Amino acid sequence: MSTDVVVGLVVEVHIHPGGDFIRLAMVDIGSSMVQIVFGGPDLVCAGDFVPVAPPGTRLPGRKKMRRAKFRGQISHGMLGSAAEFGWQPDGPDEVALLNPSGLHPGSRLDGARWPDLQAEMRPGHLELRERWAARLRTPNKVRG
């Protein structure tokens, strides 16, 4: 489990010019403002606090994170799910949204605090997940 994951504050989100299901986020990670390319349904919005794996972070079962180019846009790290960070192995695959109470951009995150960090679902998230799961023919892993 990595301890290099940090709190990011999403400042803006745009559709990637090269793909409908890819997004670009400008994220404040404390030490800098970085662009991160991410995919999936439009669940991340400006003002959200999210976990970020900046370049150099090693995640469970993966190589070390590095800057990467996706369809012409550079991504300086990864927004990830609790499952990808090893905090909730059987959890949903969507980008984790954090409860902003007491969090600051750039603060280090670890899995031991995960149950206290989860944000409550915003209205419409469950409906969006269900629609995307049906469209992509994947199981909807949301547990109620």
C-alpha atoms as a PDB file:
ATOM      1  CA  MET A   1       0.000   0.000   0.000  1.00  0.00           C
ATOM      2  CA  SER A   2       1.486   3.336  -1.022  1.00  0.00           C
ATOM      3  CA  THR A   3       1.889   6.295   1.316  1.00  0.00           C
ATOM      4  CA  ASP A   4       2.724   8.658  -1.554  1.00  0.00           C
ATOM      5  CA  VAL A   5      -0.943   9.179  -2.454  1.00  0.00           C
ATOM      6  CA  VAL A   6      -1.973  12.782  -1.752  1.00  0.00           C
ATOM      7  CA  VAL A   7      -5.161  14.826  -1.484  1.00  0.00           C
ATOM      8  CA  GLY A   8      -6.053  16.678  -4.667  1.00  0.00           C
ATOM      9  CA  LEU A   9      -8.604  19.459  -5.063  1.00  0.00           C
ATOM     10  CA  VAL A  10     -10.189  19.357  -8.521  1.00  0.00           C
ATOM     11  CA  VAL A  11     -10.194  22.915  -9.886  1.00  0.00           C
ATOM     12  CA  GLU A  12     -11.701  22.237 -13.309  1.00  0.00           C
ATOM     13  CA  VAL A  13     -12.766  19.321 -15.508  1.00  0.00           C
ATOM     14  CA  HIS A  14     -13.051  19.267 -19.302  1.00  0.00           C
ATOM     15  CA  ILE A  15     -13.790  16.631 -21.924  1.00  0.00           C
ATOM     16  CA  HIS A  16     -10.566  15.459 -23.574  1.00  0.00           C
ATOM     17  CA  PRO A  17     -10.445  16.817 -27.144  1.00  0.00           C
ATOM     18  CA  GLY A  18      -9.474  13.354 -28.404  1.00  0.00           C
ATOM     19  CA  GLY A  19     -12.180  11.208 -26.818  1.00  0.00           C
ATOM     20  CA  ASP A  20     -15.719  11.233 -25.478  1.00  0.00           C
ATOM     21  CA  PHE A  21     -15.048   9.052 -22.449  1.00  0.00           C
ATOM     22  CA  ILE A  22     -11.788  10.705 -21.391  1.00  0.00           C
ATOM     23  CA  ARG A  23     -11.591  13.779 -19.175  1.00  0.00           C
ATOM     24  CA  LEU A  24      -8.915  16.324 -18.281  1.00  0.00           C
ATOM     25  CA  ALA A  25      -8.765  17.632 -14.730  1.00  0.00           C
ATOM     26  CA  MET A  26      -6.687  20.473 -13.348  1.00  0.00           C
ATOM     27  CA  VAL A  27      -5.900  19.401  -9.796  1.00  0.00           C
ATOM     28  CA  ASP A  28      -4.271  21.313  -6.928  1.00  0.00           C
ATOM     29  CA  ILE A  29      -1.967  18.859  -5.113  1.00  0.00           C
ATOM     30  CA  GLY A  30      -0.530  21.428  -2.720  1.00  0.00           C
ATOM     31  CA  SER A  31       2.924  21.807  -4.233  1.00  0.00           C
ATOM     32  CA  SER A  32       1.593  22.486  -7.733  1.00  0.00           C
ATOM     33  CA  MET A  33      -1.371  22.507 -10.089  1.00  0.00           C
ATOM     34  CA  VAL A  34      -1.259  19.455 -12.369  1.00  0.00           C
ATOM     35  CA  GLN A  35      -3.234  18.142 -15.320  1.00  0.00           C
ATOM     36  CA  ILE A  36      -4.501  14.583 -14.953  1.00  0.00           C
ATOM     37  CA  VAL A  37      -6.187  12.556 -17.686  1.00  0.00           C
ATOM     38  CA  PHE A  38      -8.847  10.155 -16.422  1.00  0.00           C
ATOM     39  CA  GLY A  39     -11.616   8.037 -17.880  1.00  0.00           C
ATOM     40  CA  GLY A  40     -15.082   6.874 -17.073  1.00  0.00           C
ATOM     41  CA  PRO A  41     -18.376   8.528 -16.317  1.00  0.00           C
ATOM     42  CA  ASP A  42     -18.563  12.183 -15.403  1.00  0.00           C
ATOM     43  CA  LEU A  43     -18.590  11.733 -11.610  1.00  0.00           C
ATOM     44  CA  VAL A  44     -15.699  14.074 -10.773  1.00  0.00           C
ATOM     45  CA  CYS A  45     -16.486  17.797 -10.639  1.00  0.00           C
ATOM     46  CA  ALA A  46     -14.676  21.025  -9.787  1.00  0.00           C
ATOM     47  CA  GLY A  47     -14.527  21.354  -6.011  1.00  0.00           C
ATOM     48  CA  ASP A  48     -14.182  17.608  -5.342  1.00  0.00           C
ATOM     49  CA  PHE A  49     -11.399  16.284  -3.139  1.00  0.00           C
ATOM     50  CA  VAL A  50      -9.860  13.143  -4.655  1.00  0.00           C
ATOM     51  CA  PRO A  51      -6.869  10.873  -3.996  1.00  0.00           C
ATOM     52  CA  VAL A  52      -4.004  11.476  -6.442  1.00  0.00           C
ATOM     53  CA  ALA A  53      -1.039   9.222  -7.189  1.00  0.00           C
ATOM     54  CA  PRO A  54       1.589  11.653  -8.502  1.00  0.00           C
ATOM     55  CA  PRO A  55       4.579  10.495 -10.575  1.00  0.00           C
ATOM     56  CA  GLY A  56       6.879   8.383  -8.407  1.00  0.00           C
ATOM     57  CA  THR A  57       4.064   6.704  -6.465  1.00  0.00           C
ATOM     58  CA  ARG A  58       4.101   2.906  -6.480  1.00  0.00           C
ATOM     59  CA  LEU A  59       0.634   1.347  -6.286  1.00  0.00           C
ATOM     60  CA  PRO A  60      -0.175  -2.267  -5.339  1.00  0.00           C
ATOM     61  CA  GLY A  61       0.475  -4.608  -8.261  1.00  0.00           C
ATOM     62  CA  ARG A  62       1.626  -1.798 -10.567  1.00  0.00           C
ATOM     63  CA  LYS A  63       4.826  -0.205 -11.691  1.00  0.00           C
ATOM     64  CA  LYS A  64       5.835   3.198 -10.422  1.00  0.00           C
ATOM     65  CA  MET A  65       3.559   6.015 -11.631  1.00  0.00           C
ATOM     66  CA  ARG A  66       5.062   8.361 -14.196  1.00  0.00           C
ATOM     67  CA  ARG A  67       3.959  11.153 -16.471  1.00  0.00           C
ATOM     68  CA  ALA A  68       2.200   9.733 -19.494  1.00  0.00           C
ATOM     69  CA  LYS A  69       0.687  11.059 -22.695  1.00  0.00           C
ATOM     70  CA  PHE A  70      -2.902  10.093 -23.564  1.00  0.00           C
ATOM     71  CA  ARG A  71      -4.097  11.146 -27.006  1.00  0.00           C
ATOM     72  CA  GLY A  72      -1.800  14.153 -27.041  1.00  0.00           C
ATOM     73  CA  GLN A  73      -2.413  15.332 -23.457  1.00  0.00           C
ATOM     74  CA  ILE A  74       0.096  14.822 -20.641  1.00  0.00           C
ATOM     75  CA  SER A  75      -1.139  13.331 -17.374  1.00  0.00           C
ATOM     76  CA  HIS A  76       0.894  14.072 -14.250  1.00  0.00           C
ATOM     77  CA  GLY A  77      -0.330  11.146 -12.179  1.00  0.00           C
ATOM     78  CA  MET A  78      -3.582   9.320 -11.616  1.00  0.00           C
ATOM     79  CA  LEU A  79      -6.917   9.883  -9.915  1.00  0.00           C
ATOM     80  CA  GLY A  80      -7.888   6.519  -8.530  1.00  0.00           C
ATOM     81  CA  SER A  81     -10.383   4.364  -6.736  1.00  0.00           C
ATOM     82  CA  ALA A  82     -10.038   2.872  -3.281  1.00  0.00           C
ATOM     83  CA  ALA A  83      -9.563  -0.505  -5.004  1.00  0.00           C
ATOM     84  CA  GLU A  84      -6.676   0.770  -7.169  1.00  0.00           C
ATOM     85  CA  PHE A  85      -4.925   2.221  -4.114  1.00  0.00           C
ATOM     86  CA  GLY A  86      -5.379  -1.045  -2.173  1.00  0.00           C
ATOM     87  CA  TRP A  87      -7.625   0.542   0.463  1.00  0.00           C
ATOM     88  CA  GLN A  88     -10.829  -1.365  -0.383  1.00  0.00           C
ATOM     89  CA  PRO A  89      -9.926  -4.291  -2.672  1.00  0.00           C
ATOM     90  CA  ASP A  90     -13.532  -5.187  -3.547  1.00  0.00           C
ATOM     91  CA  GLY A  91     -14.726  -1.576  -3.766  1.00  0.00           C
ATOM     92  CA  PRO A  92     -16.103   0.314  -6.780  1.00  0.00           C
ATOM     93  CA  ASP A  93     -13.778   1.098  -9.689  1.00  0.00           C
ATOM     94  CA  GLU A  94     -14.734   4.782  -9.913  1.00  0.00           C
ATOM     95  CA  VAL A  95     -12.500   7.626  -8.755  1.00  0.00           C
ATOM     96  CA  ALA A  96     -12.851   7.902  -4.986  1.00  0.00           C
ATOM     97  CA  LEU A  97     -14.420  11.110  -3.709  1.00  0.00           C
ATOM     98  CA  LEU A  98     -13.105  12.264  -0.332  1.00  0.00           C
ATOM     99  CA  ASN A  99     -14.937  13.942   2.511  1.00  0.00           C
ATOM    100  CA  PRO A 100     -13.263  17.393   2.530  1.00  0.00           C
ATOM    101  CA  SER A 101     -13.518  17.847   6.298  1.00  0.00           C
ATOM    102  CA  GLY A 102     -10.004  18.637   7.539  1.00  0.00           C
ATOM    103  CA  LEU A 103      -8.287  17.800   4.243  1.00  0.00           C
ATOM    104  CA  HIS A 104      -5.856  20.079   2.443  1.00  0.00           C
ATOM    105  CA  PRO A 105      -4.413  19.718  -1.075  1.00  0.00           C
ATOM    106  CA  GLY A 106      -1.090  17.903  -0.901  1.00  0.00           C
ATOM    107  CA  SER A 107      -1.740  16.120   2.417  1.00  0.00           C
ATOM    108  CA  ARG A 108      -0.622  12.490   2.380  1.00  0.00           C
ATOM    109  CA  LEU A 109      -3.300   9.795   2.450  1.00  0.00           C
ATOM    110  CA  ASP A 110      -3.160   6.226   3.642  1.00  0.00           C
ATOM    111  CA  GLY A 111      -5.587   3.348   3.642  1.00  0.00           C
ATOM    112  CA  ALA A 112      -5.881   3.180   7.432  1.00  0.00           C
ATOM    113  CA  ARG A 113      -7.927   6.381   7.313  1.00  0.00           C
ATOM    114  CA  TRP A 114     -10.024   5.326   4.298  1.00  0.00           C
ATOM    115  CA  PRO A 115     -13.320   4.660   6.156  1.00  0.00           C
ATOM    116  CA  ASP A 116     -13.208   8.213   7.587  1.00  0.00           C
ATOM    117  CA  LEU A 117     -12.281   9.815   4.254  1.00  0.00           C
ATOM    118  CA  GLN A 118     -15.108   8.574   2.028  1.00  0.00           C
ATOM    119  CA  ALA A 119     -17.504  11.215   0.786  1.00  0.00           C
ATOM    120  CA  GLU A 120     -21.195  10.534   0.649  1.00  0.00           C
ATOM    121  CA  MET A 121     -22.619   9.953  -2.798  1.00  0.00           C
ATOM    122  CA  ARG A 122     -24.110  13.016  -4.463  1.00  0.00           C
ATOM    123  CA  PRO A 123     -27.645  12.707  -5.860  1.00  0.00           C
ATOM    124  CA  GLY A 124     -27.491  11.149  -9.298  1.00  0.00           C
ATOM    125  CA  HIS A 125     -24.248   9.190  -8.772  1.00  0.00           C
ATOM    126  CA  LEU A 126     -25.997   5.859  -8.299  1.00  0.00           C
ATOM    127  CA  GLU A 127     -28.178   6.442 -11.352  1.00  0.00           C
ATOM    128  CA  LEU A 128     -25.108   7.347 -13.438  1.00  0.00           C
ATOM    129  CA  ARG A 129     -23.253   4.257 -12.235  1.00  0.00           C
ATOM    130  CA  GLU A 130     -26.208   2.059 -13.148  1.00  0.00           C
ATOM    131  CA  ARG A 131     -26.465   3.601 -16.637  1.00  0.00           C
ATOM    132  CA  TRP A 132     -22.733   3.220 -17.274  1.00  0.00           C
ATOM    133  CA  ALA A 133     -22.693  -0.340 -15.961  1.00  0.00           C
ATOM    134  CA  ALA A 134     -25.529  -1.209 -18.353  1.00  0.00           C
ATOM    135  CA  ARG A 135     -23.886   0.589 -21.282  1.00  0.00           C
ATOM    136  CA  LEU A 136     -20.500  -1.045 -20.690  1.00  0.00           C
ATOM    137  CA  ARG A 137     -22.072  -4.392 -19.765  1.00  0.00           C
ATOM    138  CA  THR A 138     -20.152  -4.531 -16.504  1.00  0.00           C
ATOM    139  CA  PRO A 139     -21.456  -5.321 -13.028  1.00  0.00           C
ATOM    140  CA  ASN A 140     -22.564  -2.340 -10.967  1.00  0.00           C
ATOM    141  CA  LYS A 141     -20.445  -2.794  -7.832  1.00  0.00           C
ATOM    142  CA  VAL A 142     -22.306  -0.237  -5.729  1.00  0.00           C
ATOM    143  CA  ARG A 143     -23.517  -1.792  -2.525  1.00  0.00           C
ATOM    144  CA  GLY A 144     -26.396  -0.184  -0.684  1.00  0.00           C
END
